[in-house]
Amino acid sequence: MKLEQRNYGEALLVTVAEPRIDASVAIQFKDRLRQMTEGGPDRVILDLRQVQFLDSSGLGAVVAAKKQLGPNRNLELADFSPMVEKVFQLTRMDSVFTIHRDAAAALVGLQPVS
């Protein structure tokens, strides 16, 4: 499971560099995301622009990642493909997460930290 991260000080941008989050990678996704976000900023933005398929296991992994962050940190989502957007709408998870049009919209006013 390839995830890329970029620190913006007040936020951590994590890009899923895979076309699928499904049963075959859900546990790996969740574990990798937990490692990347441990001790990081309160805002974590998950960029899903490359994800074309998300099944129930993948959705469960995203929800679990949100729970792992705890009550004082927030997992925000950005840049859904139409199929991924449909999964979030059908399950009503679009009302649970803050969803941004794209990563740039989520990061307005923030600069990368080297």
PDB file of N, CA and C in Angstrom:
ATOM      1  N   MET A   1       0.852  -1.174   0.000  1.00  0.00           N
ATOM      2  CA  MET A   1       0.000   0.000   0.000  1.00  0.00           C
ATOM      3  C   MET A   1       0.889   1.225   0.000  1.00  0.00           C
ATOM      4  N   LYS A   2       0.822   1.997  -1.053  1.00  0.00           N
ATOM      5  CA  LYS A   2       1.671   3.172  -1.185  1.00  0.00           C
ATOM      6  C   LYS A   2       0.902   4.421  -0.759  1.00  0.00           C
ATOM      7  N   LEU A   3       1.408   5.048   0.302  1.00  0.00           N
ATOM      8  CA  LEU A   3       0.872   6.308   0.795  1.00  0.00           C
ATOM      9  C   LEU A   3       2.014   7.307   0.809  1.00  0.00           C
ATOM     10  N   GLU A   4       1.725   8.532   0.393  1.00  0.00           N
ATOM     11  CA  GLU A   4       2.730   9.592   0.395  1.00  0.00           C
ATOM     12  C   GLU A   4       2.263  10.681   1.340  1.00  0.00           C
ATOM     13  N   GLN A   5       3.200  11.287   2.058  1.00  0.00           N
ATOM     14  CA  GLN A   5       2.811  12.321   3.012  1.00  0.00           C
ATOM     15  C   GLN A   5       3.572  13.606   2.780  1.00  0.00           C
ATOM     16  N   ARG A   6       2.922  14.692   3.155  1.00  0.00           N
ATOM     17  CA  ARG A   6       3.538  16.021   3.076  1.00  0.00           C
ATOM     18  C   ARG A   6       3.038  16.820   4.270  1.00  0.00           C
ATOM     19  N   ASN A   7       3.966  17.387   5.019  1.00  0.00           N
ATOM     20  CA  ASN A   7       3.624  18.122   6.230  1.00  0.00           C
ATOM     21  C   ASN A   7       3.395  19.597   5.903  1.00  0.00           C
ATOM     22  N   TYR A   8       2.286  20.127   6.393  1.00  0.00           N
ATOM     23  CA  TYR A   8       1.957  21.536   6.226  1.00  0.00           C
ATOM     24  C   TYR A   8       1.888  22.242   7.574  1.00  0.00           C
ATOM     25  N   GLY A   9       2.580  21.718   8.569  1.00  0.00           N
ATOM     26  CA  GLY A   9       2.587  22.329   9.897  1.00  0.00           C
ATOM     27  C   GLY A   9       1.316  22.023  10.657  1.00  0.00           C
ATOM     28  N   GLU A  10       0.247  22.724  10.334  1.00  0.00           N
ATOM     29  CA  GLU A  10      -1.037  22.532  11.004  1.00  0.00           C
ATOM     30  C   GLU A  10      -1.809  21.340  10.443  1.00  0.00           C
ATOM     31  N   ALA A  11      -1.343  20.796   9.333  1.00  0.00           N
ATOM     32  CA  ALA A  11      -2.044  19.679   8.694  1.00  0.00           C
ATOM     33  C   ALA A  11      -1.031  18.732   8.050  1.00  0.00           C
ATOM     34  N   LEU A  12      -1.427  17.487   7.972  1.00  0.00           N
ATOM     35  CA  LEU A  12      -0.649  16.472   7.282  1.00  0.00           C
ATOM     36  C   LEU A  12      -1.477  15.994   6.095  1.00  0.00           C
ATOM     37  N   LEU A  13      -0.914  16.098   4.905  1.00  0.00           N
ATOM     38  CA  LEU A  13      -1.582  15.613   3.703  1.00  0.00           C
ATOM     39  C   LEU A  13      -1.049  14.222   3.398  1.00  0.00           C
ATOM     40  N   VAL A  14      -1.961  13.252   3.334  1.00  0.00           N
ATOM     41  CA  VAL A  14      -1.595  11.881   2.985  1.00  0.00           C
ATOM     42  C   VAL A  14      -2.311  11.545   1.679  1.00  0.00           C
ATOM     43  N   THR A  15      -1.527  11.205   0.659  1.00  0.00           N
ATOM     44  CA  THR A  15      -2.077  10.859  -0.652  1.00  0.00           C
ATOM     45  C   THR A  15      -2.021   9.350  -0.818  1.00  0.00           C
ATOM     46  N   VAL A  16      -3.155   8.766  -1.160  1.00  0.00           N
ATOM     47  CA  VAL A  16      -3.205   7.336  -1.456  1.00  0.00           C
ATOM     48  C   VAL A  16      -2.758   7.186  -2.910  1.00  0.00           C
ATOM     49  N   ALA A  17      -1.619   6.553  -3.112  1.00  0.00           N
ATOM     50  CA  ALA A  17      -1.046   6.405  -4.453  1.00  0.00           C
ATOM     51  C   ALA A  17      -1.341   5.002  -4.984  1.00  0.00           C
ATOM     52  N   GLU A  18      -2.591   4.612  -4.886  1.00  0.00           N
ATOM     53  CA  GLU A  18      -3.063   3.301  -5.329  1.00  0.00           C
ATOM     54  C   GLU A  18      -4.446   3.482  -5.956  1.00  0.00           C
ATOM     55  N   PRO A  19      -4.821   2.628  -6.897  1.00  0.00           N
ATOM     56  CA  PRO A  19      -6.137   2.762  -7.517  1.00  0.00           C
ATOM     57  C   PRO A  19      -7.278   2.143  -6.714  1.00  0.00           C
ATOM     58  N   ARG A  20      -6.945   1.341  -5.692  1.00  0.00           N
ATOM     59  CA  ARG A  20      -7.984   0.627  -4.946  1.00  0.00           C
ATOM     60  C   ARG A  20      -7.680   0.611  -3.450  1.00  0.00           C
ATOM     61  N   ILE A  21      -8.741   0.730  -2.665  1.00  0.00           N
ATOM     62  CA  ILE A  21      -8.673   0.392  -1.248  1.00  0.00           C
ATOM     63  C   ILE A  21      -9.769  -0.646  -1.052  1.00  0.00           C
ATOM     64  N   ASP A  22      -9.348  -1.901  -0.981  1.00  0.00           N
ATOM     65  CA  ASP A  22     -10.304  -3.000  -0.883  1.00  0.00           C
ATOM     66  C   ASP A  22      -9.814  -4.007   0.156  1.00  0.00           C
ATOM     67  N   ALA A  23     -10.499  -5.135   0.230  1.00  0.00           N
ATOM     68  CA  ALA A  23     -10.191  -6.140   1.247  1.00  0.00           C
ATOM     69  C   ALA A  23      -8.733  -6.593   1.211  1.00  0.00           C
ATOM     70  N   SER A  24      -8.127  -6.592   0.043  1.00  0.00           N
ATOM     71  CA  SER A  24      -6.752  -7.088  -0.074  1.00  0.00           C
ATOM     72  C   SER A  24      -5.720  -6.143   0.533  1.00  0.00           C
ATOM     73  N   VAL A  25      -6.064  -4.871   0.735  1.00  0.00           N
ATOM     74  CA  VAL A  25      -5.096  -3.907   1.269  1.00  0.00           C
ATOM     75  C   VAL A  25      -5.625  -3.108   2.467  1.00  0.00           C
ATOM     76  N   ALA A  26      -6.843  -3.371   2.907  1.00  0.00           N
ATOM     77  CA  ALA A  26      -7.474  -2.552   3.943  1.00  0.00           C
ATOM     78  C   ALA A  26      -6.671  -2.521   5.243  1.00  0.00           C
ATOM     79  N   ILE A  27      -6.211  -3.671   5.707  1.00  0.00           N
ATOM     80  CA  ILE A  27      -5.459  -3.717   6.962  1.00  0.00           C
ATOM     81  C   ILE A  27      -4.122  -3.001   6.800  1.00  0.00           C
ATOM     82  N   GLN A  28      -3.474  -3.237   5.688  1.00  0.00           N
ATOM     83  CA  GLN A  28      -2.195  -2.588   5.401  1.00  0.00           C
ATOM     84  C   GLN A  28      -2.382  -1.063   5.333  1.00  0.00           C
ATOM     85  N   PHE A  29      -3.450  -0.615   4.684  1.00  0.00           N
ATOM     86  CA  PHE A  29      -3.771   0.814   4.586  1.00  0.00           C
ATOM     87  C   PHE A  29      -3.923   1.417   5.980  1.00  0.00           C
ATOM     88  N   LYS A  30      -4.744   0.780   6.800  1.00  0.00           N
ATOM     89  CA  LYS A  30      -5.015   1.288   8.145  1.00  0.00           C
ATOM     90  C   LYS A  30      -3.734   1.345   8.983  1.00  0.00           C
ATOM     91  N   ASP A  31      -2.928   0.294   8.940  1.00  0.00           N
ATOM     92  CA  ASP A  31      -1.685   0.257   9.716  1.00  0.00           C
ATOM     93  C   ASP A  31      -0.691   1.314   9.240  1.00  0.00           C
ATOM     94  N   ARG A  32      -0.559   1.448   7.947  1.00  0.00           N
ATOM     95  CA  ARG A  32       0.380   2.431   7.372  1.00  0.00           C
ATOM     96  C   ARG A  32      -0.057   3.859   7.710  1.00  0.00           C
ATOM     97  N   LEU A  33      -1.349   4.113   7.610  1.00  0.00           N
ATOM     98  CA  LEU A  33      -1.860   5.450   7.934  1.00  0.00           C
ATOM     99  C   LEU A  33      -1.656   5.761   9.415  1.00  0.00           C
ATOM    100  N   ARG A  34      -1.855   4.778  10.268  1.00  0.00           N
ATOM    101  CA  ARG A  34      -1.633   4.985  11.699  1.00  0.00           C
ATOM    102  C   ARG A  34      -0.169   5.359  11.961  1.00  0.00           C
ATOM    103  N   GLN A  35       0.759   4.655  11.323  1.00  0.00           N
ATOM    104  CA  GLN A  35       2.186   4.960  11.488  1.00  0.00           C
ATOM    105  C   GLN A  35       2.503   6.382  11.035  1.00  0.00           C
ATOM    106  N   MET A  36       1.928   6.786   9.909  1.00  0.00           N
ATOM    107  CA  MET A  36       2.227   8.109   9.349  1.00  0.00           C
ATOM    108  C   MET A  36       1.661   9.244  10.190  1.00  0.00           C
ATOM    109  N   THR A  37       0.541   9.010  10.865  1.00  0.00           N
ATOM    110  CA  THR A  37      -0.147  10.092  11.568  1.00  0.00           C
ATOM    111  C   THR A  37       0.173  10.145  13.055  1.00  0.00           C
ATOM    112  N   GLU A  38       0.874   9.140  13.555  1.00  0.00           N
ATOM    113  CA  GLU A  38       1.189   9.083  14.974  1.00  0.00           C
ATOM    114  C   GLU A  38       1.958  10.328  15.404  1.00  0.00           C
ATOM    115  N   GLY A  39       1.421  11.022  16.390  1.00  0.00           N
ATOM    116  CA  GLY A  39       2.093  12.196  16.930  1.00  0.00           C
ATOM    117  C   GLY A  39       2.108  13.397  16.005  1.00  0.00           C
ATOM    118  N   GLY A  40       1.327  13.381  14.945  1.00  0.00           N
ATOM    119  CA  GLY A  40       1.308  14.469  13.978  1.00  0.00           C
ATOM    120  C   GLY A  40       0.304  15.551  14.323  1.00  0.00           C
ATOM    121  N   PRO A  41       0.051  16.435  13.367  1.00  0.00           N
ATOM    122  CA  PRO A  41      -0.885  17.543  13.588  1.00  0.00           C
ATOM    123  C   PRO A  41      -2.323  17.063  13.785  1.00  0.00           C
ATOM    124  N   ASP A  42      -3.148  17.980  14.264  1.00  0.00           N
ATOM    125  CA  ASP A  42      -4.555  17.659  14.549  1.00  0.00           C
ATOM    126  C   ASP A  42      -5.385  17.423  13.294  1.00  0.00           C
ATOM    127  N   ARG A  43      -4.963  17.976  12.167  1.00  0.00           N
ATOM    128  CA  ARG A  43      -5.681  17.780  10.900  1.00  0.00           C
ATOM    129  C   ARG A  43      -4.908  16.835  10.005  1.00  0.00           C
ATOM    130  N   VAL A  44      -5.580  15.770   9.571  1.00  0.00           N
ATOM    131  CA  VAL A  44      -5.015  14.858   8.593  1.00  0.00           C
ATOM    132  C   VAL A  44      -5.952  14.872   7.395  1.00  0.00           C
ATOM    133  N   ILE A  45      -5.403  15.186   6.233  1.00  0.00           N
ATOM    134  CA  ILE A  45      -6.200  15.246   5.005  1.00  0.00           C
ATOM    135  C   ILE A  45      -5.799  14.067   4.141  1.00  0.00           C
ATOM    136  N   LEU A  46      -6.773  13.237   3.823  1.00  0.00           N
ATOM    137  CA  LEU A  46      -6.536  12.046   3.014  1.00  0.00           C
ATOM    138  C   LEU A  46      -6.963  12.345   1.583  1.00  0.00           C
ATOM    139  N   ASP A  47      -5.987  12.425   0.692  1.00  0.00           N
ATOM    140  CA  ASP A  47      -6.227  12.730  -0.725  1.00  0.00           C
ATOM    141  C   ASP A  47      -6.500  11.414  -1.456  1.00  0.00           C
ATOM    142  N   LEU A  48      -7.712  11.274  -1.966  1.00  0.00           N
ATOM    143  CA  LEU A  48      -8.157  10.034  -2.608  1.00  0.00           C
ATOM    144  C   LEU A  48      -8.259  10.157  -4.120  1.00  0.00           C
ATOM    145  N   ARG A  49      -7.615  11.148  -4.723  1.00  0.00           N
ATOM    146  CA  ARG A  49      -7.792  11.396  -6.158  1.00  0.00           C
ATOM    147  C   ARG A  49      -7.398  10.221  -7.040  1.00  0.00           C
ATOM    148  N   GLN A  50      -6.451   9.389  -6.610  1.00  0.00           N
ATOM    149  CA  GLN A  50      -6.013   8.262  -7.431  1.00  0.00           C
ATOM    150  C   GLN A  50      -6.849   6.997  -7.193  1.00  0.00           C
ATOM    151  N   VAL A  51      -7.675   7.008  -6.156  1.00  0.00           N
ATOM    152  CA  VAL A  51      -8.473   5.827  -5.806  1.00  0.00           C
ATOM    153  C   VAL A  51      -9.715   5.772  -6.690  1.00  0.00           C
ATOM    154  N   GLN A  52      -9.810   4.720  -7.467  1.00  0.00           N
ATOM    155  CA  GLN A  52     -10.951   4.537  -8.364  1.00  0.00           C
ATOM    156  C   GLN A  52     -11.960   3.529  -7.823  1.00  0.00           C
ATOM    157  N   PHE A  53     -11.556   2.720  -6.827  1.00  0.00           N
ATOM    158  CA  PHE A  53     -12.440   1.698  -6.272  1.00  0.00           C
ATOM    159  C   PHE A  53     -12.253   1.615  -4.763  1.00  0.00           C
ATOM    160  N   LEU A  54     -13.363   1.598  -4.049  1.00  0.00           N
ATOM    161  CA  LEU A  54     -13.372   1.481  -2.595  1.00  0.00           C
ATOM    162  C   LEU A  54     -14.504   0.538  -2.234  1.00  0.00           C
ATOM    163  N   ASP A  55     -14.187  -0.597  -1.609  1.00  0.00           N
ATOM    164  CA  ASP A  55     -15.251  -1.513  -1.195  1.00  0.00           C
ATOM    165  C   ASP A  55     -15.555  -1.317   0.289  1.00  0.00           C
ATOM    166  N   SER A  56     -16.406  -2.174   0.846  1.00  0.00           N
ATOM    167  CA  SER A  56     -16.798  -2.016   2.245  1.00  0.00           C
ATOM    168  C   SER A  56     -15.613  -2.172   3.198  1.00  0.00           C
ATOM    169  N   SER A  57     -14.668  -3.027   2.859  1.00  0.00           N
ATOM    170  CA  SER A  57     -13.466  -3.172   3.691  1.00  0.00           C
ATOM    171  C   SER A  57     -12.631  -1.899   3.666  1.00  0.00           C
ATOM    172  N   GLY A  58     -12.517  -1.297   2.486  1.00  0.00           N
ATOM    173  CA  GLY A  58     -11.792  -0.038   2.356  1.00  0.00           C
ATOM    174  C   GLY A  58     -12.469   1.079   3.124  1.00  0.00           C
ATOM    175  N   LEU A  59     -13.793   1.138   3.020  1.00  0.00           N
ATOM    176  CA  LEU A  59     -14.542   2.145   3.762  1.00  0.00           C
ATOM    177  C   LEU A  59     -14.348   1.932   5.260  1.00  0.00           C
ATOM    178  N   GLY A  60     -14.396   0.678   5.693  1.00  0.00           N
ATOM    179  CA  GLY A  60     -14.168   0.372   7.098  1.00  0.00           C
ATOM    180  C   GLY A  60     -12.788   0.806   7.567  1.00  0.00           C
ATOM    181  N   ALA A  61     -11.794   0.649   6.706  1.00  0.00           N
ATOM    182  CA  ALA A  61     -10.430   1.058   7.050  1.00  0.00           C
ATOM    183  C   ALA A  61     -10.331   2.575   7.184  1.00  0.00           C
ATOM    184  N   VAL A  62     -11.026   3.313   6.332  1.00  0.00           N
ATOM    185  CA  VAL A  62     -11.024   4.781   6.422  1.00  0.00           C
ATOM    186  C   VAL A  62     -11.707   5.217   7.729  1.00  0.00           C
ATOM    187  N   VAL A  63     -12.832   4.591   8.048  1.00  0.00           N
ATOM    188  CA  VAL A  63     -13.540   4.906   9.298  1.00  0.00           C
ATOM    189  C   VAL A  63     -12.668   4.548  10.504  1.00  0.00           C
ATOM    190  N   ALA A  64     -12.005   3.394  10.459  1.00  0.00           N
ATOM    191  CA  ALA A  64     -11.113   2.988  11.554  1.00  0.00           C
ATOM    192  C   ALA A  64      -9.966   3.980  11.716  1.00  0.00           C
ATOM    193  N   ALA A  65      -9.443   4.486  10.604  1.00  0.00           N
ATOM    194  CA  ALA A  65      -8.366   5.477  10.659  1.00  0.00           C
ATOM    195  C   ALA A  65      -8.841   6.743  11.365  1.00  0.00           C
ATOM    196  N   LYS A  66     -10.062   7.142  11.091  1.00  0.00           N
ATOM    197  CA  LYS A  66     -10.642   8.318  11.763  1.00  0.00           C
ATOM    198  C   LYS A  66     -10.720   8.072  13.268  1.00  0.00           C
ATOM    199  N   LYS A  67     -11.169   6.890  13.646  1.00  0.00           N
ATOM    200  CA  LYS A  67     -11.278   6.555  15.073  1.00  0.00           C
ATOM    201  C   LYS A  67      -9.908   6.489  15.737  1.00  0.00           C
ATOM    202  N   GLN A  68      -8.914   5.982  15.021  1.00  0.00           N
ATOM    203  CA  GLN A  68      -7.560   5.878  15.574  1.00  0.00           C
ATOM    204  C   GLN A  68      -6.978   7.246  15.918  1.00  0.00           C
ATOM    205  N   LEU A  69      -7.384   8.262  15.199  1.00  0.00           N
ATOM    206  CA  LEU A  69      -6.866   9.600  15.471  1.00  0.00           C
ATOM    207  C   LEU A  69      -7.362  10.140  16.807  1.00  0.00           C
ATOM    208  N   GLY A  70      -8.483   9.633  17.269  1.00  0.00           N
ATOM    209  CA  GLY A  70      -9.034  10.067  18.547  1.00  0.00           C
ATOM    210  C   GLY A  70      -9.937  11.273  18.397  1.00  0.00           C
ATOM    211  N   PRO A  71     -10.531  11.700  19.508  1.00  0.00           N
ATOM    212  CA  PRO A  71     -11.544  12.757  19.459  1.00  0.00           C
ATOM    213  C   PRO A  71     -11.009  14.164  19.196  1.00  0.00           C
ATOM    214  N   ASN A  72      -9.727  14.391  19.446  1.00  0.00           N
ATOM    215  CA  ASN A  72      -9.168  15.740  19.308  1.00  0.00           C
ATOM    216  C   ASN A  72      -8.471  15.977  17.979  1.00  0.00           C
ATOM    217  N   ARG A  73      -8.472  14.957  17.112  1.00  0.00           N
ATOM    218  CA  ARG A  73      -7.833  15.093  15.797  1.00  0.00           C
ATOM    219  C   ARG A  73      -8.882  14.768  14.739  1.00  0.00           C
ATOM    220  N   ASN A  74      -8.683  15.306  13.550  1.00  0.00           N
ATOM    221  CA  ASN A  74      -9.704  15.172  12.514  1.00  0.00           C
ATOM    222  C   ASN A  74      -9.118  14.582  11.235  1.00  0.00           C
ATOM    223  N   LEU A  75      -9.823  13.598  10.677  1.00  0.00           N
ATOM    224  CA  LEU A  75      -9.473  13.048   9.369  1.00  0.00           C
ATOM    225  C   LEU A  75     -10.434  13.652   8.360  1.00  0.00           C
ATOM    226  N   GLU A  76      -9.873  14.407   7.416  1.00  0.00           N
ATOM    227  CA  GLU A  76     -10.659  15.027   6.356  1.00  0.00           C
ATOM    228  C   GLU A  76     -10.330  14.317   5.047  1.00  0.00           C
ATOM    229  N   LEU A  77     -11.274  14.319   4.122  1.00  0.00           N
ATOM    230  CA  LEU A  77     -11.097  13.624   2.847  1.00  0.00           C
ATOM    231  C   LEU A  77     -11.129  14.626   1.708  1.00  0.00           C
ATOM    232  N   ALA A  78     -10.402  14.302   0.639  1.00  0.00           N
ATOM    233  CA  ALA A  78     -10.354  15.212  -0.509  1.00  0.00           C
ATOM    234  C   ALA A  78     -10.317  14.437  -1.815  1.00  0.00           C
ATOM    235  N   ASP A  79     -10.993  14.992  -2.810  1.00  0.00           N
ATOM    236  CA  ASP A  79     -10.862  14.596  -4.211  1.00  0.00           C
ATOM    237  C   ASP A  79     -11.307  13.168  -4.505  1.00  0.00           C
ATOM    238  N   PHE A  80     -12.614  12.962  -4.453  1.00  0.00           N
ATOM    239  CA  PHE A  80     -13.205  11.653  -4.744  1.00  0.00           C
ATOM    240  C   PHE A  80     -13.389  11.422  -6.234  1.00  0.00           C
ATOM    241  N   SER A  81     -13.187  10.187  -6.669  1.00  0.00           N
ATOM    242  CA  SER A  81     -13.660   9.778  -7.993  1.00  0.00           C
ATOM    243  C   SER A  81     -15.175   9.600  -7.867  1.00  0.00           C
ATOM    244  N   PRO A  82     -15.922   9.589  -8.975  1.00  0.00           N
ATOM    245  CA  PRO A  82     -17.374   9.409  -8.879  1.00  0.00           C
ATOM    246  C   PRO A  82     -17.774   8.123  -8.141  1.00  0.00           C
ATOM    247  N   MET A  83     -17.044   7.039  -8.365  1.00  0.00           N
ATOM    248  CA  MET A  83     -17.388   5.774  -7.714  1.00  0.00           C
ATOM    249  C   MET A  83     -17.178   5.849  -6.203  1.00  0.00           C
ATOM    250  N   VAL A  84     -16.068   6.424  -5.783  1.00  0.00           N
ATOM    251  CA  VAL A  84     -15.770   6.554  -4.356  1.00  0.00           C
ATOM    252  C   VAL A  84     -16.779   7.500  -3.707  1.00  0.00           C
ATOM    253  N   GLU A  85     -17.106   8.571  -4.384  1.00  0.00           N
ATOM    254  CA  GLU A  85     -18.103   9.510  -3.867  1.00  0.00           C
ATOM    255  C   GLU A  85     -19.435   8.805  -3.647  1.00  0.00           C
ATOM    256  N   LYS A  86     -19.810   7.953  -4.575  1.00  0.00           N
ATOM    257  CA  LYS A  86     -21.077   7.219  -4.477  1.00  0.00           C
ATOM    258  C   LYS A  86     -21.096   6.311  -3.239  1.00  0.00           C
ATOM    259  N   VAL A  87     -19.977   5.641  -2.954  1.00  0.00           N
ATOM    260  CA  VAL A  87     -19.888   4.786  -1.771  1.00  0.00           C
ATOM    261  C   VAL A  87     -20.125   5.614  -0.511  1.00  0.00           C
ATOM    262  N   PHE A  88     -19.492   6.776  -0.421  1.00  0.00           N
ATOM    263  CA  PHE A  88     -19.661   7.625   0.755  1.00  0.00           C
ATOM    264  C   PHE A  88     -21.096   8.155   0.857  1.00  0.00           C
ATOM    265  N   GLN A  89     -21.718   8.470  -0.253  1.00  0.00           N
ATOM    266  CA  GLN A  89     -23.097   8.945  -0.232  1.00  0.00           C
ATOM    267  C   GLN A  89     -24.073   7.843   0.163  1.00  0.00           C
ATOM    268  N   LEU A  90     -23.936   6.661  -0.445  1.00  0.00           N
ATOM    269  CA  LEU A  90     -24.854   5.554  -0.166  1.00  0.00           C
ATOM    270  C   LEU A  90     -24.793   5.101   1.290  1.00  0.00           C
ATOM    271  N   THR A  91     -23.627   5.180   1.885  1.00  0.00           N
ATOM    272  CA  THR A  91     -23.460   4.766   3.276  1.00  0.00           C
ATOM    273  C   THR A  91     -23.657   5.918   4.257  1.00  0.00           C
ATOM    274  N   ARG A  92     -23.909   7.092   3.722  1.00  0.00           N
ATOM    275  CA  ARG A  92     -24.090   8.322   4.503  1.00  0.00           C
ATOM    276  C   ARG A  92     -22.834   8.738   5.277  1.00  0.00           C
ATOM    277  N   MET A  93     -21.707   8.190   4.886  1.00  0.00           N
ATOM    278  CA  MET A  93     -20.443   8.576   5.509  1.00  0.00           C
ATOM    279  C   MET A  93     -20.024   9.978   5.072  1.00  0.00           C
ATOM    280  N   ASP A  94     -20.645  10.490   4.031  1.00  0.00           N
ATOM    281  CA  ASP A  94     -20.354  11.862   3.607  1.00  0.00           C
ATOM    282  C   ASP A  94     -20.820  12.873   4.656  1.00  0.00           C
ATOM    283  N   SER A  95     -21.690  12.444   5.577  1.00  0.00           N
ATOM    284  CA  SER A  95     -22.124  13.342   6.653  1.00  0.00           C
ATOM    285  C   SER A  95     -21.233  13.203   7.891  1.00  0.00           C
ATOM    286  N   VAL A  96     -20.357  12.209   7.907  1.00  0.00           N
ATOM    287  CA  VAL A  96     -19.469  11.967   9.042  1.00  0.00           C
ATOM    288  C   VAL A  96     -18.125  12.676   8.859  1.00  0.00           C
ATOM    289  N   PHE A  97     -17.663  12.749   7.614  1.00  0.00           N
ATOM    290  CA  PHE A  97     -16.357  13.317   7.296  1.00  0.00           C
ATOM    291  C   PHE A  97     -16.490  14.720   6.708  1.00  0.00           C
ATOM    292  N   THR A  98     -15.482  15.542   6.953  1.00  0.00           N
ATOM    293  CA  THR A  98     -15.345  16.791   6.212  1.00  0.00           C
ATOM    294  C   THR A  98     -14.740  16.405   4.871  1.00  0.00           C
ATOM    295  N   ILE A  99     -15.407  16.803   3.781  1.00  0.00           N
ATOM    296  CA  ILE A  99     -14.969  16.425   2.441  1.00  0.00           C
ATOM    297  C   ILE A  99     -14.667  17.683   1.640  1.00  0.00           C
ATOM    298  N   HIS A 100     -13.484  17.700   1.042  1.00  0.00           N
ATOM    299  CA  HIS A 100     -13.044  18.836   0.238  1.00  0.00           C
ATOM    300  C   HIS A 100     -13.031  18.461  -1.240  1.00  0.00           C
ATOM    301  N   ARG A 101     -13.283  19.420  -2.085  1.00  0.00           N
ATOM    302  CA  ARG A 101     -13.270  19.221  -3.535  1.00  0.00           C
ATOM    303  C   ARG A 101     -11.946  18.609  -3.984  1.00  0.00           C
ATOM    304  N   ASP A 102     -10.851  19.153  -3.460  1.00  0.00           N
ATOM    305  CA  ASP A 102      -9.519  18.638  -3.764  1.00  0.00           C
ATOM    306  C   ASP A 102      -8.566  19.028  -2.633  1.00  0.00           C
ATOM    307  N   ALA A 103      -7.348  18.530  -2.698  1.00  0.00           N
ATOM    308  CA  ALA A 103      -6.379  18.796  -1.635  1.00  0.00           C
ATOM    309  C   ALA A 103      -6.047  20.284  -1.530  1.00  0.00           C
ATOM    310  N   ALA A 104      -5.978  20.972  -2.654  1.00  0.00           N
ATOM    311  CA  ALA A 104      -5.670  22.403  -2.632  1.00  0.00           C
ATOM    312  C   ALA A 104      -6.711  23.181  -1.832  1.00  0.00           C
ATOM    313  N   ALA A 105      -7.976  22.814  -1.987  1.00  0.00           N
ATOM    314  CA  ALA A 105      -9.049  23.479  -1.233  1.00  0.00           C
ATOM    315  C   ALA A 105      -8.902  23.215   0.265  1.00  0.00           C
ATOM    316  N   ALA A 106      -8.468  22.023   0.618  1.00  0.00           N
ATOM    317  CA  ALA A 106      -8.291  21.671   2.025  1.00  0.00           C
ATOM    318  C   ALA A 106      -7.106  22.394   2.654  1.00  0.00           C
ATOM    319  N   LEU A 107      -6.126  22.756   1.827  1.00  0.00           N
ATOM    320  CA  LEU A 107      -4.879  23.326   2.330  1.00  0.00           C
ATOM    321  C   LEU A 107      -4.764  24.832   2.126  1.00  0.00           C
ATOM    322  N   VAL A 108      -5.859  25.483   1.799  1.00  0.00           N
ATOM    323  CA  VAL A 108      -5.834  26.935   1.555  1.00  0.00           C
ATOM    324  C   VAL A 108      -5.158  27.645   2.736  1.00  0.00           C
ATOM    325  N   GLY A 109      -4.167  28.465   2.418  1.00  0.00           N
ATOM    326  CA  GLY A 109      -3.476  29.257   3.428  1.00  0.00           C
ATOM    327  C   GLY A 109      -2.322  28.547   4.109  1.00  0.00           C
ATOM    328  N   LEU A 110      -2.111  27.275   3.828  1.00  0.00           N
ATOM    329  CA  LEU A 110      -1.020  26.530   4.452  1.00  0.00           C
ATOM    330  C   LEU A 110       0.119  26.330   3.482  1.00  0.00           C
ATOM    331  N   GLN A 111       1.327  26.381   3.999  1.00  0.00           N
ATOM    332  CA  GLN A 111       2.524  26.170   3.189  1.00  0.00           C
ATOM    333  C   GLN A 111       3.226  24.894   3.636  1.00  0.00           C
ATOM    334  N   PRO A 112       3.832  24.162   2.713  1.00  0.00           N
ATOM    335  CA  PRO A 112       4.554  22.946   3.095  1.00  0.00           C
ATOM    336  C   PRO A 112       5.726  23.253   4.020  1.00  0.00           C
ATOM    337  N   VAL A 113       5.969  22.352   4.956  1.00  0.00           N
ATOM    338  CA  VAL A 113       7.109  22.448   5.849  1.00  0.00           C
ATOM    339  C   VAL A 113       8.166  21.502   5.329  1.00  0.00           C
ATOM    340  N   SER A 114       9.392  22.022   5.139  1.00  0.00           N
ATOM    341  CA  SER A 114      10.437  21.154   4.583  1.00  0.00           C
ATOM    342  C   SER A 114      11.044  20.250   5.602  1.00  0.00           C
TER     343      SER A 114
END
